[in-house]
Amino acid sequence: MLLWVIRLMSDTLDSQEVAECPAPFRHFRFLIYSVSRFARVRLLSNARLVALLCFLLSCSAALPGQVMYPGDLNNDGTANHIDLLPLGVAYNRFGPPREPAFLEWVPQENIPRPDALPVSGVNLGFVDANGDGLIDTFDLEPIALNYDSLQSLSIPPPQAYLLTDTFFVDNPPELRLRFEPPTASPGDTVRLIVEYIVPDPGAFPPTAPPLGITFSINGLDTLPIVPPIRIFPDTVPGDLMFVAATANQAQFWRSVAPGRIEFAAAGRGMGALGNSRQLAEMFIVMEDMIILREMPVYPDSVLLINTREEVIALKAFGDTLTVGSHLPVWPAAFAKVFPNPARQSLQVQMKQPLNLELTLFSTTGLAVRRIRNETTREASLNTAGLPPGIYFLEIRTGQGIQIERVALE
C-alpha cells in the first residue's frame, strides 16, 4: 500500500499500472489514477489532494464500497438536466453525510443508504450531490458546476436512466411550444413560451401525481438569433425547481450543443405538475433575414414522471416562427449588381442617389458582410475571404429593398 501511495505522490503511475493495481485496491484503482491526474494538472489544492489520499487509505478496510460523482444524481455517467428528476423524487430525505465532500467532478465515496429510487434503483447517496446528508435545492449546485461532464468509473457502474414502469392515462398531458408573436423581423424580440397542459387533472391519484419533466428543444440553430437566449422559468408559485442550459450558458449554468436548449422542472418531493401551467418563457432576439422563411422548433427527449418515478405518457408539440423583413420589396429593380460571379467585391450602381445599406447573406439567412453609405449612386462591398458559393445581396433604402442572388468564386 505504501509503495502505491509513494508512486502516486511521485507522479509515476500510468493507466496500465492502475489496471494492475493490487487486489486490496481493486475497487479504488480509478481513484488513484484520477487523483494522480488532478495532481499533474494542479486542479486540486494540496489540502484537497491530501484529503483524497487519506480517503483512499481509510477505505482499504471497508471494501467493497460505492463511489459517486457530484452532479450525476442518477448515476448514468453524465451531469445534465435529467438529474433534476431524482432530486425531485427524493427531496427532503436525510442520510449520513459524505466526509470529505467535494463539489468538483472527482470520484468520492458514497455511503450507501438503506433506500433507493423506486424504479431506477439508484441509491439515494448518489442523489445527495453536495454530500451534506440532506437532499434539497443545494444539490442543484453540483449539477450546474459539472454540467455535461462525463464519467465511467462510479461504483456501481453508470447505467442509462431507463424507467421501465409506466403510468397510463386515457387523456395524457401535453407539452407545447408557442412563439409569440408568430412572425418576426430583424431586431425583434420573440417569446418562446413553454406550456404544460393537463386535460384531466383527476386522472392522477393523490399518491402518484406528476412530479417532474425534462426535454430538449431543437431547431433553434436554423434561426438567425442574436445570442444569448434568455430563459425565465415560472418561479412565482415557488413549488418547482429548474435546470436549463443553452449553447451560451447553463442556468443551474454550462453549455450544450449549438441550437439546442435543455430544460427540466421538478417539484420538491411533491406532484407540482398535476395541473396546467406555464413552465417558462424564452426571449429570442432576431438577427437579419432577407426573405420570409418558416423556422420550426420542436421538443424531443421528453420525459414526464410521477412521484413514484413512473413514466407518464405525454404528447409534445412544437411551433413555427416566420421570419423576414419589415420593408416591402420594390417590384422594379432600382440597382444594378456586378460582377456576378464575383471574387473580391460586388459593385452596386443605383439609378438615383439614395442612402443605402448593403448586406450579404448566406443561404441560411445569416449576415456575413454589411456596409452603409450616405446618399450615393455607387457602392462597393468587399467579399474577399468568404467561401465560394451562393449568397443573397440585400440593397436596403428608406423606400424599399432589392434582393439579388449572387455567386462568389
Protein backbone atom coordinates (compact mmCIF):
# COMPACT_ATOMS: atom_id res chain seq x y z
CA MET A 1 0.00 0.00 0.00
CA LEU A 2 2.75 2.43 0.92
CA LEU A 3 4.51 1.73 -2.38
CA TRP A 4 1.42 2.71 -4.35
CA VAL A 5 0.99 5.94 -2.39
CA ILE A 6 4.68 6.80 -2.91
CA ARG A 7 4.36 6.17 -6.66
CA LEU A 8 1.23 8.28 -6.73
CA MET A 9 2.97 11.17 -4.98
CA SER A 10 5.94 10.88 -7.32
CA ASP A 11 3.61 11.07 -10.35
CA THR A 12 4.87 7.83 -11.93
CA LEU A 13 1.59 5.90 -12.08
CA ASP A 14 0.02 5.38 -15.52
CA SER A 15 -3.32 3.94 -16.62
CA GLN A 16 -1.88 0.50 -17.45
CA GLU A 17 -0.41 0.17 -13.97
CA VAL A 18 -3.70 1.28 -12.49
CA ALA A 19 -5.35 -1.70 -14.20
CA GLU A 20 -2.78 -3.96 -12.49
CA CYS A 21 -3.42 -2.40 -9.07
CA PRO A 22 -3.11 -4.92 -6.17
CA ALA A 23 -6.29 -6.65 -5.08
CA PRO A 24 -6.88 -4.59 -1.90
CA PHE A 25 -7.19 -1.52 -4.11
CA ARG A 26 -9.24 -3.10 -6.89
CA HIS A 27 -12.39 -1.16 -6.02
CA PHE A 28 -10.43 2.10 -5.83
CA ARG A 29 -7.84 1.87 -8.61
CA PHE A 30 -9.72 4.50 -10.62
CA LEU A 31 -9.45 6.86 -7.63
CA ILE A 32 -5.68 6.50 -7.56
CA TYR A 33 -5.45 7.29 -11.25
CA SER A 34 -7.93 10.19 -11.02
CA VAL A 35 -6.14 11.82 -8.10
CA SER A 36 -2.80 11.45 -9.87
CA ARG A 37 -4.24 13.20 -12.93
CA PHE A 38 -5.56 16.06 -10.80
CA ALA A 39 -2.13 16.35 -9.19
CA ARG A 40 -0.50 16.63 -12.60
CA VAL A 41 -2.70 19.40 -13.90
CA ARG A 42 -2.93 21.09 -10.47
CA LEU A 43 -6.73 21.17 -10.47
CA LEU A 44 -6.95 20.47 -6.74
CA SER A 45 -5.23 22.23 -3.88
CA ASN A 46 -2.65 20.34 -1.86
CA ALA A 47 -5.05 20.16 1.07
CA ARG A 48 -7.75 18.51 -1.02
CA LEU A 49 -5.26 16.10 -2.59
CA VAL A 50 -4.17 15.05 0.89
CA ALA A 51 -7.82 14.61 1.89
CA LEU A 52 -8.45 12.36 -1.08
CA LEU A 53 -5.35 10.33 -0.31
CA CYS A 54 -6.49 9.91 3.28
CA PHE A 55 -9.82 8.75 1.93
CA LEU A 56 -8.07 6.08 -0.18
CA LEU A 57 -6.09 4.83 2.78
CA SER A 58 -9.11 4.73 5.07
CA CYS A 59 -11.22 2.82 2.55
CA SER A 60 -8.94 -0.21 2.22
CA ALA A 61 -10.60 -1.82 5.23
CA ALA A 62 -14.14 -1.10 4.08
CA LEU A 63 -14.31 -2.77 0.68
CA PRO A 64 -16.49 -3.18 -1.29
CA GLY A 65 -17.85 0.37 -1.40
CA GLN A 66 -19.77 2.75 -3.62
CA VAL A 67 -18.30 5.71 -5.49
CA MET A 68 -20.16 8.68 -6.95
CA TYR A 69 -19.52 11.87 -8.93
CA PRO A 70 -21.22 15.07 -7.67
CA GLY A 71 -23.89 16.19 -10.13
CA ASP A 72 -24.58 12.75 -11.61
CA LEU A 73 -27.58 12.16 -9.36
CA ASN A 74 -28.99 9.28 -11.41
CA ASN A 75 -25.57 7.66 -11.97
CA ASP A 76 -25.98 7.50 -15.75
CA GLY A 77 -22.47 8.77 -16.47
CA THR A 78 -23.16 12.47 -17.01
CA ALA A 79 -24.38 15.55 -15.18
CA ASN A 80 -27.27 17.20 -17.02
CA HIS A 81 -30.85 18.42 -16.73
CA ILE A 82 -32.23 14.89 -16.26
CA ASP A 83 -30.51 14.71 -12.87
CA LEU A 84 -33.20 17.04 -11.54
CA LEU A 85 -35.76 14.21 -11.61
CA PRO A 86 -34.10 12.05 -8.90
CA LEU A 87 -33.71 15.19 -6.81
CA GLY A 88 -37.45 15.82 -7.04
CA VAL A 89 -38.36 12.22 -6.17
CA ALA A 90 -36.06 12.02 -3.14
CA TYR A 91 -36.45 15.61 -1.94
CA ASN A 92 -36.10 16.20 1.82
CA ARG A 93 -34.73 12.70 2.52
CA PHE A 94 -31.87 12.59 5.01
CA GLY A 95 -28.91 10.27 5.48
CA PRO A 96 -25.25 10.17 6.53
CA PRO A 97 -23.13 13.00 5.05
CA ARG A 98 -20.03 12.35 2.95
CA GLU A 99 -16.70 13.15 4.55
CA PRO A 100 -14.87 14.66 2.84
CA ALA A 101 -17.44 16.08 0.41
CA PHE A 102 -16.31 17.99 -2.70
CA LEU A 103 -18.40 19.60 -5.45
CA GLU A 104 -15.70 19.10 -8.08
CA TRP A 105 -16.07 16.36 -10.68
CA VAL A 106 -13.86 13.86 -8.83
CA PRO A 107 -14.74 10.37 -7.59
CA GLN A 108 -15.93 10.31 -4.00
CA GLU A 109 -17.02 7.66 -1.57
CA ASN A 110 -20.77 7.18 -1.45
CA ILE A 111 -22.05 5.91 1.87
CA PRO A 112 -24.85 3.56 0.75
CA ARG A 113 -28.21 4.42 2.23
CA PRO A 114 -30.86 1.84 3.09
CA ASP A 115 -33.25 3.27 0.49
CA ALA A 116 -33.09 3.88 -3.27
CA LEU A 117 -35.12 5.49 -6.03
CA PRO A 118 -38.26 3.35 -6.52
CA VAL A 119 -37.89 2.43 -10.20
CA SER A 120 -34.29 3.11 -11.30
CA GLY A 121 -32.91 1.65 -8.06
CA VAL A 122 -30.23 4.35 -7.73
CA ASN A 123 -29.07 4.60 -4.13
CA LEU A 124 -30.08 7.89 -2.53
CA GLY A 125 -26.46 8.56 -1.62
CA PHE A 126 -25.93 9.50 -5.28
CA VAL A 127 -28.81 11.99 -5.11
CA ASP A 128 -27.20 13.81 -2.16
CA ALA A 129 -24.93 15.57 -4.65
CA ASN A 130 -23.34 18.07 -2.26
CA GLY A 131 -22.81 15.46 0.44
CA ASP A 132 -24.36 17.35 3.38
CA GLY A 133 -26.76 14.49 4.19
CA LEU A 134 -29.98 16.30 3.20
CA ILE A 135 -31.42 16.06 -0.33
CA ASP A 136 -32.64 19.56 -1.14
CA THR A 137 -32.15 22.52 -3.50
CA PHE A 138 -28.47 22.82 -2.53
CA ASP A 139 -27.91 19.63 -4.55
CA LEU A 140 -28.62 21.67 -7.70
CA GLU A 141 -25.22 23.35 -7.44
CA PRO A 142 -23.12 20.28 -8.39
CA ILE A 143 -25.34 19.77 -11.45
CA ALA A 144 -24.62 23.32 -12.58
CA LEU A 145 -20.93 23.15 -11.73
CA ASN A 146 -20.34 19.88 -13.59
CA TYR A 147 -22.93 20.17 -16.37
CA ASP A 148 -22.11 17.94 -19.39
CA SER A 149 -19.20 16.26 -17.57
CA LEU A 150 -18.81 12.55 -18.25
CA GLN A 151 -17.67 9.64 -16.09
CA SER A 152 -17.48 5.86 -16.38
CA LEU A 153 -15.84 4.92 -13.08
CA SER A 154 -18.60 5.14 -10.49
CA ILE A 155 -19.42 2.10 -8.36
CA PRO A 156 -21.90 0.61 -9.19
CA PRO A 157 -21.01 1.37 -12.84
CA PRO A 158 -23.14 4.05 -14.53
CA GLN A 159 -26.28 2.83 -16.25
CA ALA A 160 -28.68 4.54 -18.65
CA TYR A 161 -31.58 6.18 -16.83
CA LEU A 162 -34.29 3.90 -18.20
CA LEU A 163 -37.56 3.87 -16.29
CA THR A 164 -39.46 0.70 -17.10
CA ASP A 165 -42.65 1.37 -15.12
CA THR A 166 -45.26 3.43 -16.98
CA PHE A 167 -48.37 5.12 -15.60
CA PHE A 168 -51.06 5.17 -18.29
CA VAL A 169 -53.83 7.75 -18.61
CA ASP A 170 -56.56 7.96 -21.25
CA ASN A 171 -56.06 11.67 -21.92
CA PRO A 172 -52.31 12.31 -21.48
CA PRO A 173 -50.77 15.68 -20.62
CA GLU A 174 -49.29 17.87 -23.35
CA LEU A 175 -46.09 19.88 -23.72
CA ARG A 176 -46.47 22.78 -26.15
CA LEU A 177 -44.02 25.32 -27.53
CA ARG A 178 -45.57 28.57 -28.75
CA PHE A 179 -43.98 31.60 -30.42
CA GLU A 180 -45.42 34.97 -29.53
CA PRO A 181 -45.71 36.73 -31.91
CA PRO A 182 -45.61 34.01 -34.60
CA THR A 183 -43.78 36.32 -37.05
CA ALA A 184 -40.60 38.35 -36.57
CA SER A 185 -38.36 40.83 -38.38
CA PRO A 186 -34.72 41.81 -37.84
CA GLY A 187 -34.18 43.21 -34.37
CA ASP A 188 -37.47 41.90 -33.00
CA THR A 189 -37.64 40.07 -29.68
CA VAL A 190 -39.75 36.92 -29.77
CA ARG A 191 -41.01 34.92 -26.81
CA LEU A 192 -40.91 31.13 -26.96
CA ILE A 193 -43.46 30.06 -24.36
CA VAL A 194 -43.32 26.58 -22.83
CA GLU A 195 -46.78 25.40 -21.79
CA TYR A 196 -47.69 22.28 -19.86
CA ILE A 197 -51.33 21.26 -20.27
CA VAL A 198 -53.22 18.67 -18.21
CA PRO A 199 -56.60 17.94 -19.86
CA ASP A 200 -57.82 15.78 -16.97
CA PRO A 201 -56.23 16.53 -13.56
CA GLY A 202 -58.46 13.91 -11.97
CA ALA A 203 -56.74 11.14 -13.93
CA PHE A 204 -53.86 11.07 -11.45
CA PRO A 205 -54.35 9.54 -7.99
CA PRO A 206 -53.18 11.61 -4.98
CA THR A 207 -50.48 9.01 -4.33
CA ALA A 208 -48.85 9.41 -7.77
CA PRO A 209 -49.27 12.92 -9.21
CA PRO A 210 -46.95 14.19 -11.96
CA LEU A 211 -43.72 15.42 -10.37
CA GLY A 212 -41.12 16.38 -12.96
CA ILE A 213 -40.48 16.86 -16.67
CA THR A 214 -37.35 17.06 -18.81
CA PHE A 215 -36.99 17.83 -22.50
CA SER A 216 -34.76 19.38 -25.13
CA ILE A 217 -35.65 21.98 -27.76
CA ASN A 218 -34.12 21.56 -31.20
CA GLY A 219 -34.27 23.63 -34.37
CA LEU A 220 -33.01 26.89 -32.90
CA ASP A 221 -29.80 26.58 -34.94
CA THR A 222 -31.89 27.38 -38.04
CA LEU A 223 -32.97 30.74 -36.58
CA PRO A 224 -30.94 33.94 -37.10
CA ILE A 225 -30.55 34.59 -33.37
CA VAL A 226 -28.53 37.22 -31.57
CA PRO A 227 -27.16 35.30 -28.56
CA PRO A 228 -27.77 34.68 -25.78
CA ILE A 229 -31.26 33.24 -25.42
CA ARG A 230 -32.68 34.42 -22.10
CA ILE A 231 -34.67 31.83 -20.15
CA PHE A 232 -37.11 32.77 -17.40
CA PRO A 233 -38.66 29.78 -15.59
CA ASP A 234 -42.02 30.34 -13.95
CA THR A 235 -40.72 30.58 -10.39
CA VAL A 236 -43.58 32.64 -8.92
CA PRO A 237 -45.50 29.73 -7.30
CA GLY A 238 -42.21 28.54 -5.77
CA ASP A 239 -43.10 24.85 -5.92
CA LEU A 240 -40.79 23.86 -8.77
CA MET A 241 -37.03 23.51 -9.15
CA PHE A 242 -35.49 24.21 -12.57
CA VAL A 243 -32.41 23.35 -14.62
CA ALA A 244 -31.89 24.96 -18.02
CA ALA A 245 -28.94 25.05 -20.42
CA THR A 246 -28.27 26.74 -23.77
CA ALA A 247 -25.33 26.85 -26.16
CA ASN A 248 -24.09 30.00 -24.42
CA GLN A 249 -24.62 29.11 -20.79
CA ALA A 250 -26.20 26.69 -18.40
CA GLN A 251 -28.52 28.16 -15.89
CA PHE A 252 -28.13 25.93 -12.95
CA TRP A 253 -25.23 27.11 -15.94
CA ARG A 254 -22.90 25.41 -18.52
CA SER A 255 -23.22 24.95 -22.28
CA VAL A 256 -24.86 22.41 -24.60
CA ALA A 257 -24.74 21.91 -28.38
CA PRO A 258 -25.47 24.98 -30.54
CA GLY A 259 -29.14 25.38 -31.47
CA ARG A 260 -30.29 23.28 -28.52
CA ILE A 261 -31.86 24.03 -25.15
CA GLU A 262 -32.09 21.51 -22.32
CA PHE A 263 -34.75 22.12 -19.68
CA ALA A 264 -36.08 20.39 -16.59
CA ALA A 265 -38.64 21.21 -13.91
CA ALA A 266 -39.50 19.14 -10.85
CA GLY A 267 -41.48 19.52 -7.66
CA ARG A 268 -39.85 19.37 -4.26
CA GLY A 269 -40.90 15.83 -3.42
CA MET A 270 -44.49 16.52 -4.41
CA GLY A 271 -46.63 16.48 -7.54
CA ALA A 272 -46.33 20.07 -8.71
CA LEU A 273 -47.39 19.19 -12.27
CA GLY A 274 -50.87 17.92 -11.56
CA ASN A 275 -52.48 20.93 -13.27
CA SER A 276 -51.90 23.01 -16.39
CA ARG A 277 -49.30 25.76 -16.07
CA GLN A 278 -46.71 27.75 -17.95
CA LEU A 279 -43.22 26.41 -17.31
CA ALA A 280 -41.01 29.09 -18.85
CA GLU A 281 -40.56 31.93 -21.31
CA MET A 282 -37.52 32.16 -23.54
CA PHE A 283 -36.67 35.53 -25.08
CA ILE A 284 -35.02 35.42 -28.51
CA VAL A 285 -33.67 38.46 -30.38
CA MET A 286 -33.77 38.03 -34.15
CA GLU A 287 -30.85 38.88 -36.41
CA ASP A 288 -31.14 39.87 -40.08
CA MET A 289 -33.13 37.78 -42.55
CA ILE A 290 -33.69 38.76 -46.16
CA ILE A 291 -36.59 36.59 -47.24
CA LEU A 292 -39.60 35.13 -45.48
CA ARG A 293 -38.73 31.75 -44.03
CA GLU A 294 -40.58 29.35 -41.76
CA MET A 295 -38.45 28.09 -38.88
CA PRO A 296 -39.88 25.10 -36.96
CA VAL A 297 -38.72 24.24 -33.45
CA TYR A 298 -39.75 21.13 -31.59
CA PRO A 299 -39.26 19.37 -28.24
CA ASP A 300 -37.57 16.00 -28.09
CA SER A 301 -36.31 13.52 -25.47
CA VAL A 302 -39.38 14.40 -23.40
CA LEU A 303 -39.71 12.58 -20.08
CA LEU A 304 -42.53 13.10 -17.56
CA ILE A 305 -42.54 11.16 -14.29
CA ASN A 306 -44.70 10.97 -11.18
CA THR A 307 -43.72 10.90 -7.51
CA ARG A 308 -43.16 7.12 -7.75
CA GLU A 309 -40.60 7.64 -10.58
CA GLU A 310 -43.01 6.09 -13.08
CA VAL A 311 -43.12 7.42 -16.64
CA ILE A 312 -46.30 9.21 -17.72
CA ALA A 313 -47.19 9.22 -21.42
CA LEU A 314 -47.03 12.73 -22.87
CA LYS A 315 -47.87 14.46 -26.14
CA ALA A 316 -45.37 17.05 -27.39
CA PHE A 317 -45.97 19.82 -29.92
CA GLY A 318 -43.59 22.36 -31.47
CA ASP A 319 -44.26 25.62 -33.28
CA THR A 320 -43.09 27.51 -36.36
CA LEU A 321 -41.76 31.06 -36.48
CA THR A 322 -41.97 33.04 -39.72
CA VAL A 323 -39.06 35.46 -40.04
CA GLY A 324 -38.37 38.11 -42.67
CA SER A 325 -38.04 41.82 -43.31
CA HIS A 326 -40.39 44.70 -42.41
CA LEU A 327 -39.88 46.57 -45.66
CA PRO A 328 -41.54 45.57 -48.92
CA VAL A 329 -39.50 44.63 -51.95
CA TRP A 330 -39.74 47.06 -54.82
CA PRO A 331 -41.46 45.46 -57.80
CA ALA A 332 -38.93 47.06 -60.17
CA ALA A 333 -35.16 46.88 -59.72
CA PHE A 334 -33.57 50.20 -58.83
CA ALA A 335 -29.95 48.98 -58.68
CA LYS A 336 -27.55 47.00 -60.82
CA VAL A 337 -25.15 44.48 -59.22
CA PHE A 338 -21.94 43.35 -60.94
CA PRO A 339 -19.80 41.34 -61.48
CA ASN A 340 -21.75 38.15 -60.93
CA PRO A 341 -19.99 35.77 -60.25
CA ALA A 342 -17.66 37.93 -58.12
CA ARG A 343 -14.31 37.32 -56.46
CA GLN A 344 -13.04 40.24 -54.39
CA SER A 345 -16.00 42.65 -54.36
CA LEU A 346 -19.52 43.38 -55.54
CA GLN A 347 -20.32 46.70 -57.20
CA VAL A 348 -23.74 48.31 -56.86
CA GLN A 349 -24.90 51.07 -59.20
CA MET A 350 -28.10 52.99 -58.39
CA LYS A 351 -30.49 54.72 -60.76
CA GLN A 352 -30.65 57.71 -58.42
CA PRO A 353 -28.71 58.84 -55.32
CA LEU A 354 -30.08 57.24 -52.14
CA ASN A 355 -28.98 56.42 -48.62
CA LEU A 356 -28.44 52.69 -48.70
CA GLU A 357 -27.23 49.72 -46.73
CA LEU A 358 -25.74 46.64 -48.39
CA THR A 359 -25.92 43.31 -46.57
CA LEU A 360 -24.68 39.99 -47.90
CA PHE A 361 -26.43 36.89 -46.54
CA SER A 362 -25.54 33.23 -46.65
CA THR A 363 -28.12 30.73 -47.88
CA THR A 364 -29.05 30.06 -44.24
CA GLY A 365 -30.08 33.71 -43.88
CA LEU A 366 -27.19 34.95 -41.74
CA ALA A 367 -25.47 38.27 -42.49
CA VAL A 368 -21.79 37.84 -43.40
CA ARG A 369 -20.95 41.35 -44.74
CA ARG A 370 -22.52 44.78 -44.31
CA ILE A 371 -21.75 48.39 -45.25
CA ARG A 372 -23.71 51.64 -45.00
CA ASN A 373 -23.44 54.58 -47.40
CA GLU A 374 -24.93 58.02 -47.29
CA THR A 375 -26.53 59.49 -50.40
CA THR A 376 -24.73 57.88 -53.31
CA ARG A 377 -25.28 56.22 -56.69
CA GLU A 378 -22.41 53.72 -56.44
CA ALA A 379 -21.16 51.44 -53.67
CA SER A 380 -18.74 48.52 -53.29
CA LEU A 381 -18.99 45.55 -50.91
CA ASN A 382 -15.80 43.65 -50.08
CA THR A 383 -16.25 39.86 -50.41
CA ALA A 384 -12.62 38.81 -50.03
CA GLY A 385 -12.14 35.83 -47.72
CA LEU A 386 -15.67 34.48 -47.98
CA PRO A 387 -16.14 30.83 -49.01
CA PRO A 388 -17.23 30.30 -52.62
CA GLY A 389 -20.92 29.66 -53.12
CA ILE A 390 -24.34 31.25 -53.46
CA TYR A 391 -25.26 34.37 -51.45
CA PHE A 392 -28.02 36.95 -51.37
CA LEU A 393 -27.30 40.67 -51.51
CA GLU A 394 -29.86 42.92 -49.87
CA ILE A 395 -29.88 46.53 -51.07
CA ARG A 396 -31.86 48.45 -48.47
CA THR A 397 -33.02 52.06 -48.79
CA GLY A 398 -35.53 54.18 -46.89
CA GLN A 399 -38.12 53.41 -49.57
CA GLY A 400 -37.70 49.68 -50.03
CA ILE A 401 -35.30 46.81 -50.61
CA GLN A 402 -33.96 44.88 -53.58
CA ILE A 403 -32.55 41.37 -53.28
CA GLU A 404 -30.08 39.92 -55.75
CA ARG A 405 -28.80 36.36 -55.93
CA VAL A 406 -25.01 36.40 -56.39
CA ALA A 407 -22.27 33.82 -56.69
CA LEU A 408 -18.76 34.09 -55.21
CA GLU A 409 -15.82 32.26 -56.73
